Amino acid sequence: AGTGLLQEVVYLVSQGADPDEIGLMNIDEQLPVLEYPQPGLDIIKELTSPRLIKSHLPYRFLPSDLHNGNSKVIYMARNPKDLVVSYYQFHRSLRTMSYRGTFQEFCRRFMNDKLGYGSWFEHVQEFWEHHMDANVLFLKYEDMHKDLATMVEQLVRFLGVSYDKAQLESMVEHCHQLIDQCCNAEALPVGRGRVGLWKDIFTVSMNEKFDLVYKQKMGKCDLTFDFYL
């Protein structure tokens, strides 16, 4: 859903850093994953505040401090058609996963809630139910491409950092540079970061089936997505 890209943008904004600095570091050491055995909770507990921690867990499984409003949550959602294509490419690119099935099979598993971390439909709706909470900032991947300046301003306010006008403009430019680097990286399948890449792989029948499942599972939710830009 763009979490990897978001973590780098958040690090830039919170630290006043620049893209070149991120390129020289292991970002996963700066933003450890809560549920991973490495580096583990002991290391996370030793980090100095304000800590930046990454997670893919559903809202209900997050620590109680987050539910109680004692910590801040930045959540990014992506339109599910692009997400399932990117997730498929991600599964195929990792040796640890080594997925070799077809995209049609993978998409069917996605629609039936049979992939890691459970149902995307439940995951995104759980967080959307809390999008008005003071300690939750709910972002959309497409908005990062459509209006990055507004998203950076949202992050600045939410994180409680201070920039003057010139510094803010510079930070937006740095974030643009970072996004261009990430979305066009040679290590990634071409175009994996762009909006609307689902149109290159979905067949008409797949799209119709997906729309039907989406309506069934998201019909009562007022969350909307941009499938085109």
Protein backbone atom coordinates (compact mmCIF):
# COMPACT_ATOMS: atom_id res chain seq x y z
CA ALA A 1 0.00 0.00 0.00
CA GLY A 2 3.03 2.28 -0.19
CA THR A 3 4.07 1.78 3.43
CA GLY A 4 7.73 1.45 2.46
CA LEU A 5 7.61 4.73 0.59
CA LEU A 6 5.63 6.43 3.34
CA GLN A 7 8.17 5.44 5.98
CA GLU A 8 10.89 7.25 4.05
CA VAL A 9 8.72 10.36 3.58
CA VAL A 10 7.86 10.35 7.31
CA TYR A 11 11.54 10.02 8.19
CA LEU A 12 12.39 12.92 5.89
CA VAL A 13 9.73 15.17 7.39
CA SER A 14 10.30 14.23 11.03
CA GLN A 15 14.09 14.47 10.87
CA GLY A 16 14.46 17.32 8.39
CA ALA A 17 16.63 14.96 6.36
CA ASP A 18 17.17 14.71 2.59
CA PRO A 19 16.86 11.84 0.08
CA ASP A 20 20.63 11.37 -0.22
CA GLU A 21 20.86 10.73 3.52
CA ILE A 22 18.20 8.01 3.32
CA GLY A 23 20.03 6.40 0.42
CA LEU A 24 23.06 5.84 2.66
CA MET A 25 21.21 4.21 5.55
CA ASN A 26 19.26 1.08 6.33
CA ILE A 27 15.84 2.65 6.79
CA ASP A 28 14.52 -0.51 8.45
CA GLU A 29 16.91 0.09 11.35
CA GLN A 30 15.47 3.58 11.79
CA LEU A 31 11.87 2.31 11.54
CA PRO A 32 11.83 -1.25 12.92
CA VAL A 33 8.80 -3.42 12.22
CA LEU A 34 6.77 -4.00 15.37
CA GLU A 35 5.75 -7.60 14.65
CA TYR A 36 9.08 -8.85 13.24
CA PRO A 37 11.41 -10.95 15.44
CA GLN A 38 14.33 -8.81 14.26
CA PRO A 39 15.36 -6.40 15.67
CA GLY A 40 12.67 -7.32 18.21
CA LEU A 41 10.68 -5.56 20.91
CA ASP A 42 13.66 -5.22 23.27
CA ILE A 43 15.47 -3.03 20.76
CA ILE A 44 12.31 -1.04 20.00
CA LYS A 45 11.83 -0.34 23.71
CA GLU A 46 15.34 1.09 23.87
CA LEU A 47 14.70 3.64 21.12
CA THR A 48 14.53 7.26 22.26
CA SER A 49 11.30 9.21 21.87
CA PRO A 50 9.87 10.18 19.45
CA ARG A 51 10.20 6.68 17.99
CA LEU A 52 9.23 5.78 14.44
CA ILE A 53 7.88 2.22 14.24
CA LYS A 54 6.41 0.43 11.24
CA SER A 55 3.66 -2.20 11.28
CA HIS A 56 1.26 -4.01 8.97
CA LEU A 57 -0.94 -5.25 11.81
CA PRO A 58 -4.72 -4.71 11.85
CA TYR A 59 -5.89 -1.95 14.18
CA ARG A 60 -7.23 -4.39 16.77
CA PHE A 61 -3.79 -6.00 17.21
CA LEU A 62 -1.88 -2.78 17.80
CA PRO A 63 -0.60 -1.95 21.31
CA SER A 64 -3.15 -0.48 23.71
CA ASP A 65 -1.26 2.85 23.86
CA LEU A 66 -2.34 3.43 20.28
CA HIS A 67 -5.96 2.62 21.05
CA ASN A 68 -5.84 4.92 24.05
CA GLY A 69 -4.52 7.83 22.03
CA ASN A 70 -1.14 7.91 23.78
CA SER A 71 0.76 7.37 20.52
CA LYS A 72 0.22 8.55 16.97
CA VAL A 73 -0.71 6.37 13.99
CA ILE A 74 -0.12 7.23 10.34
CA TYR A 75 -2.00 4.85 8.07
CA MET A 76 -1.73 4.68 4.31
CA ALA A 77 -4.35 3.01 2.10
CA ARG A 78 -4.06 2.39 -1.63
CA ASN A 79 -6.76 1.62 -4.17
CA PRO A 80 -7.04 -2.18 -4.00
CA LYS A 81 -6.66 -2.87 -7.71
CA ASP A 82 -3.22 -1.27 -7.85
CA LEU A 83 -2.42 -2.76 -4.46
CA VAL A 84 -3.09 -6.35 -5.51
CA VAL A 85 -0.92 -5.94 -8.63
CA SER A 86 1.95 -4.45 -6.61
CA TYR A 87 1.54 -7.07 -3.88
CA TYR A 88 1.68 -9.82 -6.51
CA GLN A 89 4.90 -8.40 -7.95
CA PHE A 90 6.30 -8.09 -4.43
CA HIS A 91 5.56 -11.75 -3.70
CA ARG A 92 7.27 -12.82 -6.91
CA SER A 93 10.36 -10.69 -6.27
CA LEU A 94 11.22 -12.06 -2.82
CA ARG A 95 13.11 -15.33 -2.59
CA THR A 96 11.57 -15.96 0.84
CA MET A 97 8.09 -15.96 -0.73
CA SER A 98 8.95 -17.14 -4.22
CA TYR A 99 5.35 -17.04 -5.42
CA ARG A 100 5.03 -18.66 -8.83
CA GLY A 101 1.28 -18.78 -9.33
CA THR A 102 -0.59 -16.69 -11.89
CA PHE A 103 -1.89 -13.23 -11.18
CA GLN A 104 -5.44 -14.55 -11.59
CA GLU A 105 -4.83 -17.05 -8.77
CA PHE A 106 -3.22 -14.40 -6.59
CA CYS A 107 -6.06 -11.95 -7.16
CA ARG A 108 -8.59 -14.64 -6.30
CA ARG A 109 -6.75 -15.28 -3.01
CA PHE A 110 -6.81 -11.53 -2.31
CA MET A 111 -10.56 -11.31 -2.89
CA ASN A 112 -11.10 -14.35 -0.65
CA ASP A 113 -8.95 -12.94 2.18
CA LYS A 114 -6.37 -15.73 1.83
CA LEU A 115 -3.12 -13.71 1.89
CA GLY A 116 -0.77 -12.72 4.70
CA TYR A 117 -2.13 -10.30 7.33
CA GLY A 118 -5.67 -11.40 6.56
CA SER A 119 -8.41 -9.47 4.82
CA TRP A 120 -7.44 -6.15 3.21
CA PHE A 121 -11.11 -5.16 3.27
CA GLU A 122 -11.33 -5.58 7.05
CA HIS A 123 -7.90 -4.05 7.59
CA VAL A 124 -8.63 -0.80 5.79
CA GLN A 125 -12.15 -0.46 7.20
CA GLU A 126 -10.91 -0.92 10.77
CA PHE A 127 -8.54 2.01 10.42
CA TRP A 128 -11.09 4.09 8.53
CA GLU A 129 -13.45 3.74 11.50
CA HIS A 130 -10.79 5.64 13.49
CA HIS A 131 -9.76 8.18 10.83
CA MET A 132 -11.31 11.03 12.85
CA ASP A 133 -9.42 10.11 16.03
CA ALA A 134 -7.00 12.87 17.06
CA ASN A 135 -4.06 10.46 17.13
CA VAL A 136 -4.74 8.92 13.69
CA LEU A 137 -3.73 10.37 10.33
CA PHE A 138 -5.37 8.39 7.50
CA LEU A 139 -3.62 8.96 4.16
CA LYS A 140 -4.23 7.68 0.64
CA TYR A 141 -1.41 6.60 -1.64
CA GLU A 142 -2.99 8.31 -4.64
CA ASP A 143 -2.98 11.68 -2.84
CA MET A 144 0.79 11.44 -2.51
CA HIS A 145 0.96 11.54 -6.32
CA LYS A 146 -1.95 13.96 -6.79
CA ASP A 147 -1.10 16.60 -4.17
CA LEU A 148 2.15 15.85 -2.37
CA ALA A 149 2.48 19.36 -0.94
CA THR A 150 -0.78 19.01 0.99
CA MET A 151 0.25 15.60 2.31
CA VAL A 152 3.59 16.95 3.51
CA GLU A 153 1.79 19.80 5.27
CA GLN A 154 -0.51 17.26 6.95
CA LEU A 155 2.51 15.27 8.15
CA VAL A 156 4.25 18.39 9.45
CA ARG A 157 1.22 19.33 11.54
CA PHE A 158 0.56 15.78 12.73
CA LEU A 159 4.18 15.13 13.71
CA GLY A 160 4.46 18.49 15.46
CA VAL A 161 7.56 19.63 13.59
CA SER A 162 8.18 23.20 12.50
CA TYR A 163 9.16 24.54 9.09
CA ASP A 164 9.09 28.04 7.66
CA LYS A 165 7.74 28.54 4.14
CA ALA A 166 11.08 28.09 2.38
CA GLN A 167 11.94 25.00 4.43
CA LEU A 168 8.52 23.51 3.69
CA GLU A 169 8.92 24.07 -0.05
CA SER A 170 12.36 22.46 0.11
CA MET A 171 10.95 19.48 2.02
CA VAL A 172 8.21 18.99 -0.57
CA GLU A 173 10.87 18.99 -3.29
CA HIS A 174 12.93 16.47 -1.34
CA CYS A 175 9.88 14.23 -1.01
CA HIS A 176 9.20 14.53 -4.75
CA GLN A 177 12.77 13.45 -5.39
CA LEU A 178 12.43 10.52 -3.02
CA ILE A 179 9.17 9.32 -4.60
CA ASP A 180 10.69 9.54 -8.08
CA GLN A 181 13.66 7.48 -6.91
CA CYS A 182 11.47 4.84 -5.26
CA CYS A 183 8.90 4.52 -8.03
CA ASN A 184 11.53 4.29 -10.77
CA ALA A 185 14.06 2.13 -8.95
CA GLU A 186 15.62 -0.51 -11.21
CA ALA A 187 15.10 -3.13 -8.49
CA LEU A 188 11.33 -2.75 -8.76
CA PRO A 189 9.09 -4.01 -11.55
CA VAL A 190 8.53 -1.15 -13.98
CA GLY A 191 5.71 1.13 -12.94
CA ARG A 192 4.88 -0.67 -9.70
CA GLY A 193 4.50 2.67 -7.93
CA ARG A 194 2.26 4.42 -10.42
CA VAL A 195 -1.47 4.93 -10.08
CA GLY A 196 -3.64 2.94 -12.48
CA LEU A 197 -1.18 0.12 -13.18
CA TRP A 198 -4.04 -2.38 -12.67
CA LYS A 199 -5.34 -1.48 -16.13
CA ASP A 200 -2.33 -3.22 -17.69
CA ILE A 201 -3.01 -6.60 -16.10
CA PHE A 202 -6.72 -6.91 -15.20
CA THR A 203 -8.91 -8.58 -17.81
CA VAL A 204 -12.48 -7.37 -18.29
CA SER A 205 -13.91 -10.40 -16.49
CA MET A 206 -11.42 -10.05 -13.61
CA ASN A 207 -12.32 -6.39 -13.24
CA GLU A 208 -16.05 -7.17 -13.18
CA LYS A 209 -15.54 -9.88 -10.54
CA PHE A 210 -13.32 -7.60 -8.46
CA ASP A 211 -15.88 -4.77 -8.60
CA LEU A 212 -18.57 -7.16 -7.40
CA VAL A 213 -16.49 -8.40 -4.45
CA TYR A 214 -15.44 -4.84 -3.61
CA LYS A 215 -19.08 -3.70 -3.55
CA GLN A 216 -20.06 -6.64 -1.34
CA LYS A 217 -17.27 -6.09 1.19
CA MET A 218 -17.02 -2.29 1.13
CA GLY A 219 -20.60 -1.33 0.30
CA LYS A 220 -21.40 0.03 3.77
CA CYS A 221 -18.14 1.99 4.04
CA ASP A 222 -17.93 5.62 2.89
CA LEU A 223 -14.20 5.37 2.14
CA THR A 224 -13.48 6.09 -1.54
CA PHE A 225 -10.42 5.60 -3.73
CA ASP A 226 -9.03 7.06 -6.94
CA PHE A 227 -8.49 4.26 -9.44
CA TYR A 228 -7.27 6.72 -12.10
CA LEU A 229 -5.37 10.00 -11.97
